[in-house]
Amino acid sequence: MDKPLIDIRDLWIRFPGVHRSIDAVRGISLTIGREKVGIVGESGSGKSLTGRAILKLAPNSARITARRMDFDGIDLLAAPERKMRAIRGNRISMILQDPKFSLNPLMRIGNQIMEAYRLHHRVSIAEAKRRALAMLEAVHIRDPERVFMQLPHEVSGGMGQRIMIAMMLIPEPDLIIADEPTSALDVTVRRQVLSILDELVTRRGTGLMFISHDLNLVADFCDRVLVMYAGRIMEDMPARELHNAQHPYTRALLNSLPRLDHPVEELRVPSRDPAWLHEKVIERRENV
């Protein structure tokens, strides 16, 4: 097995309070290689916070501890801010949920993509523009020259998400953290964006941490799935086996989904057991 890009052991993220502290992430361990790893769970389960902790972008009030939090041999916990600025965007990129809040409304799209590239590569403006246009074409934007000159409010949500993907991929990162990148899109555009992301990730051998609420999408798109509940990982399995999950929490999430082949009058509400917070992770890997 290749050496993982991300290797995390016993990660805790705690928010101190006046009367008591709140543990948002509780001692999780995970690895991500050059593969597509989906992280699923309810809102508040710690998915997005884990992704932000890797980039050291968690809120200032968060207290992050771990026995190990390495990226490609780099100790992220010990890395100074100067080192993290060299990693963010260049080696690890993050695609956020809504491009309208991620793009600068006062800058033309082409300038924003060029800036993302020139921030990490010493190239001329002409070379940066050539790379930006090529990247817009790579994410299947039909008229790159026209879109290059537009402002963010002039493009649709689907095109805005493609632009965000172009901006995050142009520095050619080793790892992409995608936080609900398709939740605001309709089904047709969602499939197009996922197809583009899959094509680019596969061709470049990039690792992908795909955070989502959509279990069916993750089962279809990812290689491996981590199921999180209340800051803990409940189950780690190949994505194609998600619908055969063993943990009662994962089964409860699957049973709460609407199904065309099994219509019901009322969807089942997942039940929860406090004992889950003390169980070992159910882990299954592909046979090699």
Protein backbone atom coordinates (compact mmCIF):
# COMPACT_ATOMS: atom_id res chain seq x y z
CA MET A 1 0.00 0.00 0.00
CA ASP A 2 1.29 3.49 -0.88
CA LYS A 3 2.14 5.87 1.93
CA PRO A 4 -0.99 7.92 2.78
CA LEU A 5 -1.14 11.66 2.13
CA ILE A 6 -3.03 12.28 5.37
CA ASP A 7 -2.31 10.29 8.53
CA ILE A 8 -4.28 11.33 11.62
CA ARG A 9 -4.16 9.58 14.99
CA ASP A 10 -6.38 10.39 17.98
CA LEU A 11 -7.58 13.83 16.86
CA TRP A 12 -9.57 15.84 19.40
CA ILE A 13 -11.16 19.24 18.74
CA ARG A 14 -12.50 20.89 21.88
CA PHE A 15 -14.28 24.19 22.47
CA PRO A 16 -13.78 25.46 26.05
CA GLY A 17 -16.89 26.88 27.68
CA VAL A 18 -17.71 28.81 30.86
CA HIS A 19 -19.09 25.78 32.69
CA ARG A 20 -17.87 22.87 30.55
CA SER A 21 -15.98 22.10 27.36
CA ILE A 22 -17.62 20.68 24.24
CA ASP A 23 -15.82 17.96 22.30
CA ALA A 24 -16.71 18.44 18.62
CA VAL A 25 -14.30 15.73 17.38
CA ARG A 26 -13.51 12.85 19.74
CA GLY A 27 -10.29 10.96 19.19
CA ILE A 28 -10.69 10.01 15.52
CA SER A 29 -8.01 8.30 13.43
CA LEU A 30 -8.00 8.18 9.65
CA THR A 31 -5.78 7.95 6.59
CA ILE A 32 -6.35 9.29 3.08
CA GLY A 33 -4.21 8.27 0.14
CA ARG A 34 -4.50 9.08 -3.54
CA GLU A 35 -8.13 8.00 -3.54
CA LYS A 36 -11.64 9.43 -3.19
CA VAL A 37 -12.70 9.19 0.46
CA GLY A 38 -16.24 10.23 1.39
CA ILE A 39 -17.09 11.43 4.91
CA VAL A 40 -20.80 11.27 5.74
CA GLY A 41 -22.94 11.94 8.79
CA GLU A 42 -25.52 14.31 10.19
CA SER A 43 -24.95 18.03 10.61
CA GLY A 44 -22.76 18.63 13.65
CA SER A 45 -20.99 15.28 13.43
CA GLY A 46 -17.58 16.93 12.91
CA LYS A 47 -17.06 16.36 9.17
CA SER A 48 -16.30 19.92 8.08
CA LEU A 49 -14.39 20.73 11.27
CA THR A 50 -12.07 17.79 10.61
CA GLY A 51 -11.37 19.09 7.09
CA ARG A 52 -10.68 22.60 8.38
CA ALA A 53 -8.42 21.26 11.13
CA ILE A 54 -6.18 19.66 8.49
CA LEU A 55 -5.64 23.12 6.99
CA LYS A 56 -5.45 24.68 10.47
CA LEU A 57 -8.46 26.86 9.62
CA ALA A 58 -10.58 25.87 12.62
CA PRO A 59 -11.99 28.72 14.77
CA ASN A 60 -9.47 30.39 17.07
CA SER A 61 -11.39 29.15 20.11
CA ALA A 62 -10.90 25.50 19.11
CA ARG A 63 -8.29 23.46 20.98
CA ILE A 64 -6.82 20.87 18.61
CA THR A 65 -4.73 17.96 19.91
CA ALA A 66 -3.60 14.71 18.30
CA ARG A 67 -0.93 12.06 18.65
CA ARG A 68 -0.26 12.59 14.95
CA MET A 69 -1.59 14.82 12.19
CA ASP A 70 0.74 14.45 9.22
CA PHE A 71 0.43 15.46 5.58
CA ASP A 72 2.90 13.72 3.27
CA GLY A 73 5.43 13.46 6.10
CA ILE A 74 4.86 17.04 7.35
CA ASP A 75 3.78 17.43 10.98
CA LEU A 76 0.82 19.81 10.61
CA LEU A 77 0.47 20.35 14.36
CA ALA A 78 4.01 21.67 14.61
CA ALA A 79 4.01 23.54 11.28
CA PRO A 80 4.26 27.34 11.67
CA GLU A 81 1.81 29.64 9.87
CA ARG A 82 4.38 30.44 7.18
CA LYS A 83 4.64 26.74 6.34
CA MET A 84 0.85 26.37 6.33
CA ARG A 85 0.49 29.27 3.88
CA ALA A 86 2.79 27.36 1.52
CA ILE A 87 0.64 24.23 1.89
CA ARG A 88 -2.82 25.81 1.62
CA GLY A 89 -3.95 26.15 -1.97
CA ASN A 90 -0.65 24.85 -3.32
CA ARG A 91 -0.58 21.30 -1.92
CA ILE A 92 -4.01 21.11 -0.24
CA SER A 93 -7.00 22.90 -1.78
CA MET A 94 -10.49 23.28 -0.33
CA ILE A 95 -13.66 23.56 -2.40
CA LEU A 96 -16.42 25.19 -0.36
CA GLN A 97 -20.16 24.70 -0.54
CA ASP A 98 -21.34 27.91 -2.22
CA PRO A 99 -19.16 29.66 -4.81
CA LYS A 100 -21.05 32.92 -4.30
CA PHE A 101 -19.40 33.26 -0.88
CA SER A 102 -15.98 32.03 -2.05
CA LEU A 103 -15.39 34.22 -5.12
CA ASN A 104 -14.48 37.90 -4.80
CA PRO A 105 -17.51 39.79 -6.20
CA LEU A 106 -15.30 42.73 -7.26
CA MET A 107 -12.73 40.76 -9.27
CA ARG A 108 -13.15 39.28 -12.72
CA ILE A 109 -13.13 35.51 -12.75
CA GLY A 110 -10.00 35.22 -14.85
CA ASN A 111 -8.03 37.46 -12.50
CA GLN A 112 -9.04 35.33 -9.51
CA ILE A 113 -7.88 32.12 -11.19
CA MET A 114 -4.64 33.76 -12.30
CA GLU A 115 -4.04 35.00 -8.76
CA ALA A 116 -4.49 31.46 -7.39
CA TYR A 117 -1.83 30.21 -9.79
CA ARG A 118 0.68 33.07 -9.49
CA LEU A 119 0.50 32.93 -5.69
CA HIS A 120 2.39 29.63 -5.82
CA HIS A 121 4.22 29.80 -9.17
CA ARG A 122 6.58 32.50 -10.43
CA VAL A 123 5.26 32.98 -13.95
CA SER A 124 4.40 35.90 -16.19
CA ILE A 125 0.89 37.31 -16.48
CA ALA A 126 0.67 35.93 -20.03
CA GLU A 127 1.56 32.41 -18.86
CA ALA A 128 -0.86 32.63 -15.94
CA LYS A 129 -3.65 33.71 -18.32
CA ARG A 130 -2.87 30.81 -20.65
CA ARG A 131 -3.05 28.35 -17.76
CA ALA A 132 -6.27 29.92 -16.45
CA LEU A 133 -7.99 29.64 -19.84
CA ALA A 134 -6.80 26.04 -20.19
CA MET A 135 -8.18 25.26 -16.73
CA LEU A 136 -11.56 26.79 -17.56
CA GLU A 137 -11.65 24.61 -20.65
CA ALA A 138 -10.68 21.57 -18.57
CA VAL A 139 -13.78 22.03 -16.37
CA HIS A 140 -15.93 22.04 -19.55
CA ILE A 141 -16.75 25.75 -19.74
CA ARG A 142 -17.71 26.36 -23.37
CA ASP A 143 -16.47 29.90 -23.92
CA PRO A 144 -13.43 30.36 -21.60
CA GLU A 145 -12.50 33.76 -23.07
CA ARG A 146 -15.93 35.22 -22.29
CA VAL A 147 -16.16 33.68 -18.80
CA PHE A 148 -12.60 34.83 -18.06
CA MET A 149 -13.78 38.46 -18.30
CA GLN A 150 -17.03 38.05 -16.35
CA LEU A 151 -17.77 38.92 -12.71
CA PRO A 152 -19.07 36.20 -10.32
CA HIS A 153 -22.66 37.53 -10.31
CA GLU A 154 -22.83 37.04 -14.08
CA VAL A 155 -22.52 33.23 -13.96
CA SER A 156 -24.93 30.52 -12.80
CA GLY A 157 -24.49 28.41 -9.68
CA GLY A 158 -23.29 25.40 -11.67
CA MET A 159 -20.76 27.43 -13.61
CA GLY A 160 -19.64 29.14 -10.40
CA GLN A 161 -18.90 25.74 -8.88
CA ARG A 162 -16.90 24.74 -11.97
CA ILE A 163 -14.93 27.99 -11.64
CA MET A 164 -14.21 27.17 -7.98
CA ILE A 165 -12.95 23.72 -9.01
CA ALA A 166 -10.74 25.34 -11.66
CA MET A 167 -9.34 27.77 -9.10
CA MET A 168 -8.60 25.03 -6.57
CA LEU A 169 -7.04 22.65 -9.11
CA ILE A 170 -4.87 25.09 -11.08
CA PRO A 171 -2.03 24.96 -8.49
CA GLU A 172 -2.12 21.13 -9.01
CA PRO A 173 -2.59 20.16 -5.33
CA ASP A 174 -1.90 16.71 -3.88
CA LEU A 175 -5.11 16.72 -1.83
CA ILE A 176 -8.53 18.33 -2.33
CA ILE A 177 -10.97 18.80 0.55
CA ALA A 178 -14.43 19.22 -0.98
CA ASP A 179 -17.01 20.37 1.60
CA GLU A 180 -20.51 19.75 0.21
CA PRO A 181 -19.41 20.97 -3.24
CA THR A 182 -22.65 20.01 -5.01
CA SER A 183 -25.38 20.47 -2.38
CA ALA A 184 -26.64 23.76 -3.88
CA LEU A 185 -26.86 22.37 -7.42
CA ASP A 186 -29.68 20.61 -9.24
CA VAL A 187 -29.29 16.94 -10.12
CA THR A 188 -28.17 17.42 -13.73
CA VAL A 189 -25.53 20.04 -12.92
CA ARG A 190 -24.43 18.01 -9.89
CA ARG A 191 -23.62 15.01 -12.07
CA GLN A 192 -21.70 17.20 -14.51
CA VAL A 193 -19.60 18.75 -11.74
CA LEU A 194 -18.89 15.35 -10.16
CA SER A 195 -17.88 13.94 -13.53
CA ILE A 196 -15.43 16.84 -14.04
CA LEU A 197 -14.02 16.43 -10.53
CA ASP A 198 -13.63 12.68 -10.97
CA GLU A 199 -11.92 13.13 -14.33
CA LEU A 200 -9.42 15.67 -13.02
CA VAL A 201 -8.69 13.80 -9.77
CA THR A 202 -8.19 10.48 -11.57
CA ARG A 203 -5.97 11.97 -14.28
CA ARG A 204 -3.74 13.83 -11.82
CA GLY A 205 -3.63 11.15 -9.09
CA THR A 206 -4.92 13.60 -6.49
CA GLY A 207 -6.37 12.56 -3.13
CA LEU A 208 -9.93 13.69 -2.41
CA MET A 209 -11.71 14.15 0.92
CA PHE A 210 -15.37 14.47 -0.07
CA ILE A 211 -17.66 15.73 2.73
CA SER A 212 -21.35 15.13 2.12
CA HIS A 213 -24.78 14.32 3.57
CA ASP A 214 -25.77 12.36 0.48
CA LEU A 215 -25.08 8.67 1.15
CA ASN A 216 -26.22 7.52 -2.29
CA LEU A 217 -23.96 10.03 -4.04
CA VAL A 218 -20.94 9.04 -1.92
CA ALA A 219 -21.56 5.33 -2.48
CA ASP A 220 -21.59 5.93 -6.24
CA PHE A 221 -18.73 8.45 -6.45
CA CYS A 222 -16.12 7.58 -3.81
CA ASP A 223 -13.71 4.69 -3.28
CA ARG A 224 -14.05 4.56 0.51
CA VAL A 225 -16.52 5.93 3.07
CA LEU A 226 -16.09 7.09 6.68
CA VAL A 227 -19.31 7.43 8.70
CA MET A 228 -19.18 10.04 11.49
CA TYR A 229 -21.49 10.47 14.48
CA ALA A 230 -21.05 13.00 17.31
CA GLY A 231 -17.40 13.60 16.52
CA ARG A 232 -16.45 9.92 16.16
CA ILE A 233 -15.94 7.60 13.20
CA MET A 234 -18.42 4.75 13.42
CA GLU A 235 -17.53 2.81 10.29
CA ASP A 236 -14.83 2.72 7.59
CA MET A 237 -15.65 0.67 4.49
CA PRO A 238 -15.38 0.47 0.70
CA ALA A 239 -17.97 2.80 -0.85
CA ARG A 240 -19.52 0.07 -2.96
CA GLU A 241 -20.40 -1.80 0.27
CA LEU A 242 -22.08 1.16 1.98
CA HIS A 243 -25.54 -0.31 1.55
CA ASN A 244 -24.36 -3.44 3.38
CA ALA A 245 -23.10 -1.43 6.38
CA GLN A 246 -23.08 -3.16 9.77
CA HIS A 247 -23.19 -0.35 12.33
CA PRO A 248 -26.73 0.49 13.54
CA TYR A 249 -26.12 4.24 13.01
CA THR A 250 -25.15 3.74 9.37
CA ARG A 251 -28.14 1.41 8.92
CA ALA A 252 -30.37 4.10 10.49
CA LEU A 253 -29.08 6.74 8.05
CA LEU A 254 -29.69 4.43 5.10
CA ASN A 255 -33.20 3.56 6.32
CA SER A 256 -34.09 7.26 6.60
CA LEU A 257 -33.53 7.78 2.85
CA PRO A 258 -36.50 7.81 0.45
CA ARG A 259 -36.53 4.92 -2.04
CA LEU A 260 -38.50 4.61 -5.26
CA ASP A 261 -38.59 0.81 -5.00
CA HIS A 262 -39.89 0.88 -1.41
CA PRO A 263 -42.26 3.85 -0.88
CA VAL A 264 -43.40 4.59 2.67
CA GLU A 265 -45.86 7.09 4.13
CA GLU A 266 -43.36 8.39 6.67
CA LEU A 267 -39.55 8.24 6.61
CA ARG A 268 -37.89 6.60 9.60
CA VAL A 269 -36.12 8.91 12.07
CA PRO A 270 -32.70 7.54 13.11
CA SER A 271 -32.44 6.48 16.75
CA ARG A 272 -29.22 7.03 18.68
CA ASP A 273 -27.45 5.12 21.42
CA PRO A 274 -24.99 6.92 23.79
CA ALA A 275 -22.97 3.69 23.95
CA TRP A 276 -21.86 4.30 20.33
CA LEU A 277 -19.45 6.96 21.59
CA HIS A 278 -17.38 4.25 23.30
CA GLU A 279 -17.42 1.56 20.60
CA LYS A 280 -14.51 0.63 18.35
CA VAL A 281 -14.64 1.61 14.69
CA ILE A 282 -16.06 -1.05 12.36
CA GLU A 283 -13.40 -1.19 9.68
CA ARG A 284 -13.46 -3.10 6.40
CA ARG A 285 -11.01 -2.67 3.55
CA GLU A 286 -10.78 -4.02 0.03
CA ASN A 287 -9.07 -7.37 -0.35
CA VAL A 288 -5.77 -6.91 -2.15
